[in-house]
C-alpha cells in the first residue's frame, strides 16, 4: 500500500499556458509591432490557388495563340536548321539558343503576366505594402529537432494535416466526377485523328484544371478564415499586458495624476501672484471670485487676471485682503465673468456697463478717476 507522504506532488500550474488568461483583443500598437516583425495575417493557400486559376484561364483563352506561335517557331527552326552545315558549332548553337529563349518568353508572356499580377494582387490584398528584414534573419532554433517535432505534433500541425487530407479528398472527388462525366467523349476519342485527340485532351485537361483551381480557391477562402482565427487567437493579450502597454504609451496614471496636480498648483500659484495687481475682486460672495485689472495703457477693457470657485475663490479673497484689494459682492456678474471670460482675456462688450459701475465705485473709494 502506498503511503500518502510518498506520493510525488506535481504543481498543475506548470501545465497551464498563458493563453487561458489572454482574453483581450490586441491593441493597435501590438498589431503594428507584430507587422514590423513580419507576423501578419496571410493565407498562402488562397494565393497559390488564385495564381493557378489565372494561369489556366489565360491558357484557356490564349491557347490558340500560344499553339500557333509555338508551331510557327518550331517550323521556322526546323527549316533553318536544315539549311545549316555547321550546326554543332558553338556560335550557331549560342545564336539559336538565345533566339529560342527570347521567343519562348514572348510566347509565354501572357501566362507569366497573369501569374505575376495574381501574386502581386493577392499579396497586397492580404498584407498591403510591407518591407521588413525580421523574417529573413537566421534562427538556430529552427535547426533544433525537438522544436521541429513540437511543431509537427502541435495543434497547427494537426490542422495542417487535416487540411491536406481534406484537400486531397475533395480534389480527388472533383477530378473523378469530371472524368466520369467525360466517359462517353473519351470513348469517341478512339475514332479521332491525332490532331483531334491532341485538341480534345488539351481542352479537357484545361477545363479540369480550371474546375480544380476553383475548388482550391474555395478551400483557400476557408483557410483564410482559419488563419484569421488563429492570428487573432495568437494576438490576444492578458489584462496585465494591456495595462502595461497603456502605461508605456500614455504614462503611469498615478504619475500623470501627480503631474497634473503639480501643474494645477503651479498654475494657481502664478494666478494668485496676479491678484495683488487687480483693481477689484467680484464675488457671489461664497462660491465665485473673479479678479479684474484695468490699465488703459495695456488694454481697451478690464482683464480677468484670476478666477476660481470654492477653495480657490477663498484663496483669492485672502490674498486680496492681505493686499488691500477691494472685494465687491455681485452674484450675477461674478458668475457671468467666471463662465464667459478666461484668465488673461478682456471682458465682453455686453459687460462693460456692469463692470464700469463696479470700477467707478472702487475708484471713488480710492479717490481715483475712471478713464
Protein backbone atom coordinates (compact mmCIF):
# COMPACT_ATOMS: atom_id res chain seq x y z
CA UNK A 1 0.00 0.00 0.00
CA UNK A 2 1.38 3.43 -0.93
CA UNK A 3 1.72 5.92 1.85
CA UNK A 4 0.33 9.39 1.33
CA UNK A 5 3.60 11.14 2.06
CA UNK A 6 5.40 9.01 -0.54
CA UNK A 7 3.36 10.42 -3.43
CA UNK A 8 5.06 12.93 -5.70
CA UNK A 9 3.17 16.19 -5.65
CA UNK A 10 3.00 17.91 -9.01
CA UNK A 11 2.15 21.54 -9.42
CA UNK A 12 -0.58 21.51 -12.05
CA UNK A 13 0.00 25.23 -12.66
CA UNK A 14 3.11 24.23 -14.62
CA UNK A 15 0.87 22.71 -17.29
CA UNK A 16 -1.30 25.79 -17.60
CA UNK A 17 -0.46 28.02 -20.54
CA UNK A 18 -0.72 31.75 -20.75
CA UNK A 19 -3.38 31.54 -23.44
CA UNK A 20 -6.07 30.95 -20.83
CA UNK A 21 -5.51 34.45 -19.48
CA UNK A 22 -5.38 36.09 -22.90
CA UNK A 23 -8.92 37.37 -23.15
CA UNK A 24 -8.33 40.88 -24.51
CA UNK A 25 -8.19 41.81 -28.18
CA UNK A 26 -4.85 43.01 -29.49
CA UNK A 27 -4.23 46.72 -29.27
CA UNK A 28 -3.29 48.76 -32.35
CA UNK A 29 0.27 49.06 -31.02
CA UNK A 30 0.69 45.30 -30.70
CA UNK A 31 -0.64 44.85 -34.24
CA UNK A 32 1.83 47.44 -35.56
CA UNK A 33 4.73 45.81 -33.71
CA UNK A 34 3.72 42.36 -34.98
CA UNK A 35 3.55 43.69 -38.54
CA UNK A 36 7.05 45.15 -38.24
CA UNK A 37 8.28 41.72 -37.13
CA UNK A 38 6.64 40.13 -40.16
CA UNK A 39 3.90 38.48 -38.09
CA UNK A 40 0.98 39.07 -40.44
CA UNK A 41 -2.35 37.54 -41.40
CA UNK A 42 -1.84 35.66 -44.62
CA UNK A 43 -3.09 32.50 -46.34
CA UNK A 44 -0.63 31.02 -48.82
CA UNK A 45 -3.30 28.53 -49.89
CA UNK A 46 -5.60 31.12 -51.44
CA UNK A 47 -2.69 32.98 -53.05
CA UNK A 48 -1.44 29.84 -54.80
CA UNK A 49 -4.97 28.85 -55.84
CA UNK A 50 -5.74 32.24 -57.39
CA UNK A 51 -2.42 32.28 -59.27
CA UNK A 52 -3.06 28.79 -60.69
CA UNK A 53 -6.62 29.72 -61.65
CA UNK A 54 -5.47 32.84 -63.51
CA UNK A 55 -2.73 30.91 -65.30
CA UNK A 56 -5.08 28.19 -66.54
CA UNK A 57 -7.78 30.71 -67.52
CA UNK A 58 -5.22 32.64 -69.59
CA UNK A 59 -4.02 29.40 -71.18
CA UNK A 60 -7.64 28.50 -71.96
CA UNK A 61 -8.26 31.90 -73.56
CA UNK A 62 -4.95 32.31 -75.39
CA UNK A 63 -4.29 28.63 -76.03
CA UNK A 64 -4.83 29.01 -79.78
CA UNK A 65 -2.40 31.93 -79.94
CA UNK A 66 0.25 30.02 -77.97
CA UNK A 67 -0.21 26.91 -80.13
CA UNK A 68 0.11 28.85 -83.39
CA UNK A 69 3.20 30.73 -82.20
CA UNK A 70 4.90 27.56 -80.99
CA UNK A 71 4.05 25.71 -84.19
CA UNK A 72 5.29 28.57 -86.38
CA UNK A 73 8.54 28.96 -84.46
CA UNK A 74 9.16 25.20 -84.40
CA UNK A 75 8.64 25.03 -88.16
CA UNK A 76 10.94 28.03 -88.64
CA UNK A 77 13.70 26.43 -86.56
CA UNK A 78 13.44 23.10 -88.39
CA UNK A 79 13.64 24.82 -91.78
CA UNK A 80 16.61 26.96 -90.76
CA UNK A 81 18.42 24.03 -89.14
CA UNK A 82 18.09 22.03 -92.34
CA UNK A 83 20.00 24.73 -94.23
CA UNK A 84 22.93 24.93 -91.82
CA UNK A 85 26.02 22.83 -92.49
CA UNK A 86 27.94 23.67 -89.32
CA UNK A 87 25.01 23.01 -86.95
CA UNK A 88 27.14 21.96 -83.98
CA UNK A 89 29.44 25.00 -83.99
CA UNK A 90 29.39 26.95 -80.71
CA UNK A 91 28.44 30.24 -82.38
CA UNK A 92 25.47 28.66 -84.15
CA UNK A 93 24.22 26.90 -81.02
CA UNK A 94 24.55 30.10 -78.96
CA UNK A 95 22.70 32.11 -81.59
CA UNK A 96 19.71 29.79 -81.80
CA UNK A 97 19.66 29.15 -78.06
CA UNK A 98 19.37 32.88 -77.36
CA UNK A 99 16.72 33.25 -80.04
CA UNK A 100 14.75 30.34 -78.59
CA UNK A 101 14.84 31.86 -75.10
CA UNK A 102 13.52 35.20 -76.40
CA UNK A 103 10.77 33.60 -78.50
CA UNK A 104 9.70 31.33 -75.65
CA UNK A 105 9.47 34.27 -73.27
CA UNK A 106 7.37 36.26 -75.76
CA UNK A 107 5.04 33.32 -76.33
CA UNK A 108 4.61 32.65 -72.61
CA UNK A 109 4.38 36.37 -71.71
CA UNK A 110 0.57 36.32 -71.13
CA UNK A 111 0.91 33.37 -68.74
CA UNK A 112 3.82 34.94 -66.86
CA UNK A 113 1.97 38.26 -66.67
CA UNK A 114 -1.12 36.55 -65.24
CA UNK A 115 0.96 34.74 -62.61
CA UNK A 116 2.81 37.93 -61.65
CA UNK A 117 -0.37 40.00 -61.48
CA UNK A 118 -2.12 37.36 -59.37
CA UNK A 119 0.78 37.18 -56.93
CA UNK A 120 1.03 40.97 -56.56
CA UNK A 121 -2.72 41.49 -56.14
CA UNK A 122 -3.16 38.68 -53.61
CA UNK A 123 -0.12 39.70 -51.57
CA UNK A 124 -1.22 43.33 -51.49
CA UNK A 125 -4.83 42.41 -50.67
CA UNK A 126 -3.73 40.33 -47.67
CA UNK A 127 -0.62 42.12 -46.43
CA UNK A 128 -0.51 45.54 -48.07
CA UNK A 129 2.83 47.25 -48.62
CA UNK A 130 5.35 45.82 -46.17
CA UNK A 131 9.14 45.84 -46.13
CA UNK A 132 10.78 44.03 -43.23
CA UNK A 133 14.02 42.14 -42.69
CA UNK A 134 12.90 40.47 -39.47
CA UNK A 135 11.69 37.30 -41.20
CA UNK A 136 14.98 36.96 -43.12
CA UNK A 137 17.07 36.55 -40.00
CA UNK A 138 18.54 33.10 -39.33
CA UNK A 139 17.48 31.43 -36.09
CA UNK A 140 19.37 28.42 -34.74
CA UNK A 141 16.17 27.30 -33.00
CA UNK A 142 14.88 26.27 -36.43
CA UNK A 143 17.59 23.60 -36.56
CA UNK A 144 16.54 22.14 -33.23
CA UNK A 145 14.91 18.74 -33.96
CA UNK A 146 12.90 18.91 -30.74
CA UNK A 147 11.30 22.17 -31.83
CA UNK A 148 10.55 20.57 -35.20
CA UNK A 149 8.82 17.63 -33.52
CA UNK A 150 6.82 20.04 -31.36
CA UNK A 151 5.63 21.88 -34.46
CA UNK A 152 4.59 18.63 -36.12
CA UNK A 153 2.53 17.48 -33.14
CA UNK A 154 1.17 20.91 -32.25
CA UNK A 155 -2.42 21.99 -32.91
CA UNK A 156 -1.30 23.86 -36.02
CA UNK A 157 0.49 20.75 -37.33
CA UNK A 158 -2.61 18.61 -36.81
CA UNK A 159 -4.80 21.20 -38.53
CA UNK A 160 -2.42 21.37 -41.50
CA UNK A 161 -2.52 17.57 -41.80
CA UNK A 162 -6.33 17.56 -41.72
CA UNK A 163 -6.41 20.34 -44.32
CA UNK A 164 -4.08 18.40 -46.63
CA UNK A 165 -6.14 15.21 -46.34
CA UNK A 166 -9.37 17.14 -46.88
CA UNK A 167 -7.90 18.85 -49.93
CA UNK A 168 -6.81 15.52 -51.43
CA UNK A 169 -10.27 14.03 -50.89
CA UNK A 170 -12.16 16.99 -52.36
CA UNK A 171 -9.83 17.45 -55.33
CA UNK A 172 -9.89 13.72 -55.99
CA UNK A 173 -13.69 13.66 -55.92
CA UNK A 174 -13.96 16.65 -58.29
CA UNK A 175 -11.49 15.06 -60.72
CA UNK A 176 -13.30 11.70 -60.55
CA UNK A 177 -16.69 13.32 -61.17
CA UNK A 178 -15.36 15.28 -64.15
CA UNK A 179 -13.67 12.28 -65.77
CA UNK A 180 -16.76 10.16 -65.19
CA UNK A 181 -18.85 12.79 -66.99
CA UNK A 182 -16.41 12.65 -69.92
CA UNK A 183 -16.60 8.86 -70.23
CA UNK A 184 -18.66 8.96 -73.45
CA UNK A 185 -16.36 11.51 -75.09
CA UNK A 186 -13.28 9.53 -74.07
CA UNK A 187 -14.67 6.51 -75.93
CA UNK A 188 -15.25 8.65 -79.04
CA UNK A 189 -11.60 9.75 -78.97
CA UNK A 190 -10.66 6.36 -80.38
CA UNK A 191 -12.17 7.35 -83.74
CA UNK A 192 -10.40 10.74 -83.96
CA UNK A 193 -7.24 11.59 -85.83
CA UNK A 194 -4.08 12.65 -83.99
CA UNK A 195 -4.85 16.36 -84.20
CA UNK A 196 -8.36 15.84 -82.85
CA UNK A 197 -7.06 13.69 -79.99
CA UNK A 198 -4.47 16.30 -79.00
CA UNK A 199 -7.03 19.10 -79.20
CA UNK A 200 -9.59 17.17 -77.13
CA UNK A 201 -7.04 16.23 -74.47
CA UNK A 202 -5.78 19.82 -74.25
CA UNK A 203 -9.25 21.36 -73.88
CA UNK A 204 -10.45 18.69 -71.46
CA UNK A 205 -7.33 18.95 -69.32
CA UNK A 206 -7.67 22.73 -69.13
CA UNK A 207 -11.34 22.52 -68.17
CA UNK A 208 -10.49 20.01 -65.44
CA UNK A 209 -7.62 22.19 -64.21
CA UNK A 210 -9.88 25.25 -64.04
CA UNK A 211 -12.51 23.34 -62.05
CA UNK A 212 -9.88 22.08 -59.65
CA UNK A 213 -8.48 25.60 -59.24
CA UNK A 214 -11.93 27.00 -58.50
CA UNK A 215 -12.31 24.35 -55.80
CA UNK A 216 -8.87 25.25 -54.44
CA UNK A 217 -9.88 28.92 -54.29
CA UNK A 218 -12.96 27.97 -52.25
CA UNK A 219 -10.79 25.88 -49.92
CA UNK A 220 -8.37 28.82 -49.77
CA UNK A 221 -11.16 31.08 -48.51
CA UNK A 222 -11.83 28.62 -45.69
CA UNK A 223 -8.10 28.51 -44.99
CA UNK A 224 -8.01 32.31 -44.82
CA UNK A 225 -10.83 32.19 -42.27
CA UNK A 226 -8.86 29.69 -40.19
CA UNK A 227 -5.68 31.77 -40.47
CA UNK A 228 -7.62 34.82 -39.31
CA UNK A 229 -8.97 32.93 -36.30
CA UNK A 230 -5.51 31.59 -35.46
CA UNK A 231 -3.90 35.00 -35.91
CA UNK A 232 -6.43 36.75 -33.66
CA UNK A 233 -6.02 33.99 -31.09
CA UNK A 234 -2.24 34.40 -31.03
CA UNK A 235 -2.51 38.18 -30.88
CA UNK A 236 -4.77 38.25 -27.83
CA UNK A 237 -3.38 39.86 -24.71
CA UNK A 238 -3.81 39.47 -20.98
CA UNK A 239 -5.34 42.26 -18.95
CA UNK A 240 -1.92 42.89 -17.42
CA UNK A 241 -0.30 43.24 -20.87
CA UNK A 242 -2.93 45.79 -21.89
CA UNK A 243 -2.36 47.68 -18.65
CA UNK A 244 1.43 47.67 -19.09
CA UNK A 245 1.13 48.83 -22.69
CA UNK A 246 -1.19 51.62 -21.64
CA UNK A 247 1.32 52.70 -19.02
CA UNK A 248 4.10 52.66 -21.60
CA UNK A 249 2.09 54.55 -24.23
CA UNK A 250 0.22 57.01 -22.06
CA UNK A 251 2.31 57.01 -18.92
CA UNK A 252 1.55 55.64 -15.49
CA UNK A 253 -1.90 57.00 -14.45
CA UNK A 254 -0.64 57.70 -10.93
CA UNK A 255 2.35 59.64 -12.24
CA UNK A 256 0.16 61.51 -14.74
CA UNK A 257 -2.24 62.42 -11.93
CA UNK A 258 0.62 63.77 -9.83
CA UNK A 259 1.98 65.74 -12.79
CA UNK A 260 -1.44 67.28 -13.45
CA UNK A 261 -1.80 68.10 -9.77
CA UNK A 262 1.62 69.77 -9.79
CA UNK A 263 0.70 71.71 -12.92
CA UNK A 264 -2.52 72.90 -11.28
CA UNK A 265 -0.58 74.01 -8.21
CA UNK A 266 1.91 75.96 -10.34
CA UNK A 267 -0.91 77.50 -12.36
CA UNK A 268 -2.78 78.53 -9.21
CA UNK A 269 0.39 79.98 -7.67
CA UNK A 270 1.01 82.09 -10.77
CA UNK A 271 -2.62 83.19 -10.84
CA UNK A 272 -2.55 84.22 -7.16
CA UNK A 273 0.57 86.26 -7.86
CA UNK A 274 -1.55 88.41 -10.18
CA UNK A 275 -4.23 89.11 -7.56
CA UNK A 276 -2.28 91.96 -5.85
CA UNK A 277 -2.20 93.73 -9.24
CA UNK A 278 -6.02 93.64 -9.54
CA UNK A 279 -8.28 96.65 -9.02
CA UNK A 280 -11.25 94.71 -7.67
CA UNK A 281 -12.43 91.22 -6.69
CA UNK A 282 -16.03 90.45 -7.66
CA UNK A 283 -17.68 87.64 -5.63
CA UNK A 284 -21.08 85.99 -5.31
CA UNK A 285 -19.94 86.05 -2.31
CA UNK A 286 -19.02 82.48 -1.24
CA UNK A 287 -18.54 80.25 -4.30
CA UNK A 288 -17.15 82.51 -7.04
CA UNK A 289 -14.37 85.08 -7.12
CA UNK A 290 -13.07 86.98 -10.16
CA UNK A 291 -10.15 89.44 -10.06
CA UNK A 292 -10.26 92.31 -12.57
CA UNK A 293 -7.50 94.68 -13.60
CA UNK A 294 -7.92 97.75 -15.77
CA UNK A 295 -4.99 99.65 -17.25
CA UNK A 296 -5.91 101.84 -20.24
CA UNK A 297 -2.28 101.76 -21.40
CA UNK A 298 -2.28 97.96 -21.74
CA UNK A 299 -5.83 97.16 -22.91
CA UNK A 300 -9.06 98.78 -24.01
CA UNK A 301 -11.14 96.92 -21.42
CA UNK A 302 -10.70 95.33 -17.99
CA UNK A 303 -8.86 91.99 -17.94
CA UNK A 304 -9.57 88.92 -15.80
CA UNK A 305 -6.28 88.17 -14.01
CA UNK A 306 -7.59 85.45 -11.67
CA UNK A 307 -10.75 83.47 -11.04
CA UNK A 308 -11.87 80.43 -9.11
CA UNK A 309 -14.59 78.63 -7.19
CA UNK A 310 -14.83 77.37 -3.62
CA UNK A 311 -11.29 76.81 -2.27
CA UNK A 312 -9.57 78.86 -4.98
CA UNK A 313 -12.15 81.63 -4.57
CA UNK A 314 -11.39 81.70 -0.85
CA UNK A 315 -7.64 81.94 -1.55
CA UNK A 316 -8.20 84.81 -4.00
CA UNK A 317 -10.17 86.71 -1.35
CA UNK A 318 -7.47 86.02 1.26
CA UNK A 319 -4.74 87.39 -0.99
CA UNK A 320 -6.95 90.37 -1.83
CA UNK A 321 -7.45 91.20 1.85
CA UNK A 322 -3.72 90.86 2.50
CA UNK A 323 -3.04 93.40 -0.27
CA UNK A 324 -6.00 95.73 0.49
CA UNK A 325 -7.81 94.94 -2.77
CA UNK A 326 -11.48 95.92 -2.72
CA UNK A 327 -13.95 92.99 -2.70
CA UNK A 328 -17.37 93.72 -4.22
CA UNK A 329 -20.32 91.35 -3.99
CA UNK A 330 -22.27 90.92 -7.22
CA UNK A 331 -23.66 87.41 -7.67
CA UNK A 332 -24.81 87.65 -11.29
CA UNK A 333 -21.73 89.50 -12.54
CA UNK A 334 -19.29 87.20 -10.70
CA UNK A 335 -20.90 84.05 -12.14
CA UNK A 336 -21.12 85.53 -15.65
CA UNK A 337 -17.47 86.61 -15.65
CA UNK A 338 -16.35 83.20 -14.39
CA UNK A 339 -18.27 81.29 -17.06
CA UNK A 340 -17.64 83.55 -20.06
CA UNK A 341 -14.15 85.03 -19.63
CA UNK A 342 -10.89 83.08 -19.35
CA UNK A 343 -7.86 84.27 -17.44
CA UNK A 344 -5.90 86.84 -19.44
CA UNK A 345 -8.89 87.83 -21.60
CA UNK A 346 -10.73 91.15 -21.65
CA UNK A 347 -14.37 91.27 -20.64
CA UNK A 348 -17.01 91.14 -23.42
CA UNK A 349 -18.71 94.33 -24.54
CA UNK A 350 -22.07 93.40 -23.02
CA UNK A 351 -20.49 93.53 -19.55
CA UNK A 352 -18.85 96.94 -19.97
CA UNK A 353 -21.64 98.82 -18.20
CA UNK A 354 -21.84 96.48 -15.20
CA UNK A 355 -18.06 96.35 -14.74
CA UNK A 356 -17.73 100.13 -15.23
CA UNK A 357 -20.18 100.70 -12.39
CA UNK A 358 -18.16 98.41 -10.11
CA UNK A 359 -14.87 100.09 -11.03
CA UNK A 360 -16.40 103.55 -10.57
CA UNK A 361 -17.48 102.52 -7.08
CA UNK A 362 -14.00 101.17 -6.27
CA UNK A 363 -12.22 104.21 -7.68
CA UNK A 364 -14.49 106.52 -5.76
CA UNK A 365 -13.44 104.75 -2.60
CA UNK A 366 -9.80 105.26 -3.53
CA UNK A 367 -10.36 108.76 -4.90
CA UNK A 368 -9.42 107.64 -8.45
CA UNK A 369 -10.84 108.80 -11.76
CA UNK A 370 -12.18 106.28 -14.27
CA UNK A 371 -10.80 106.99 -17.70
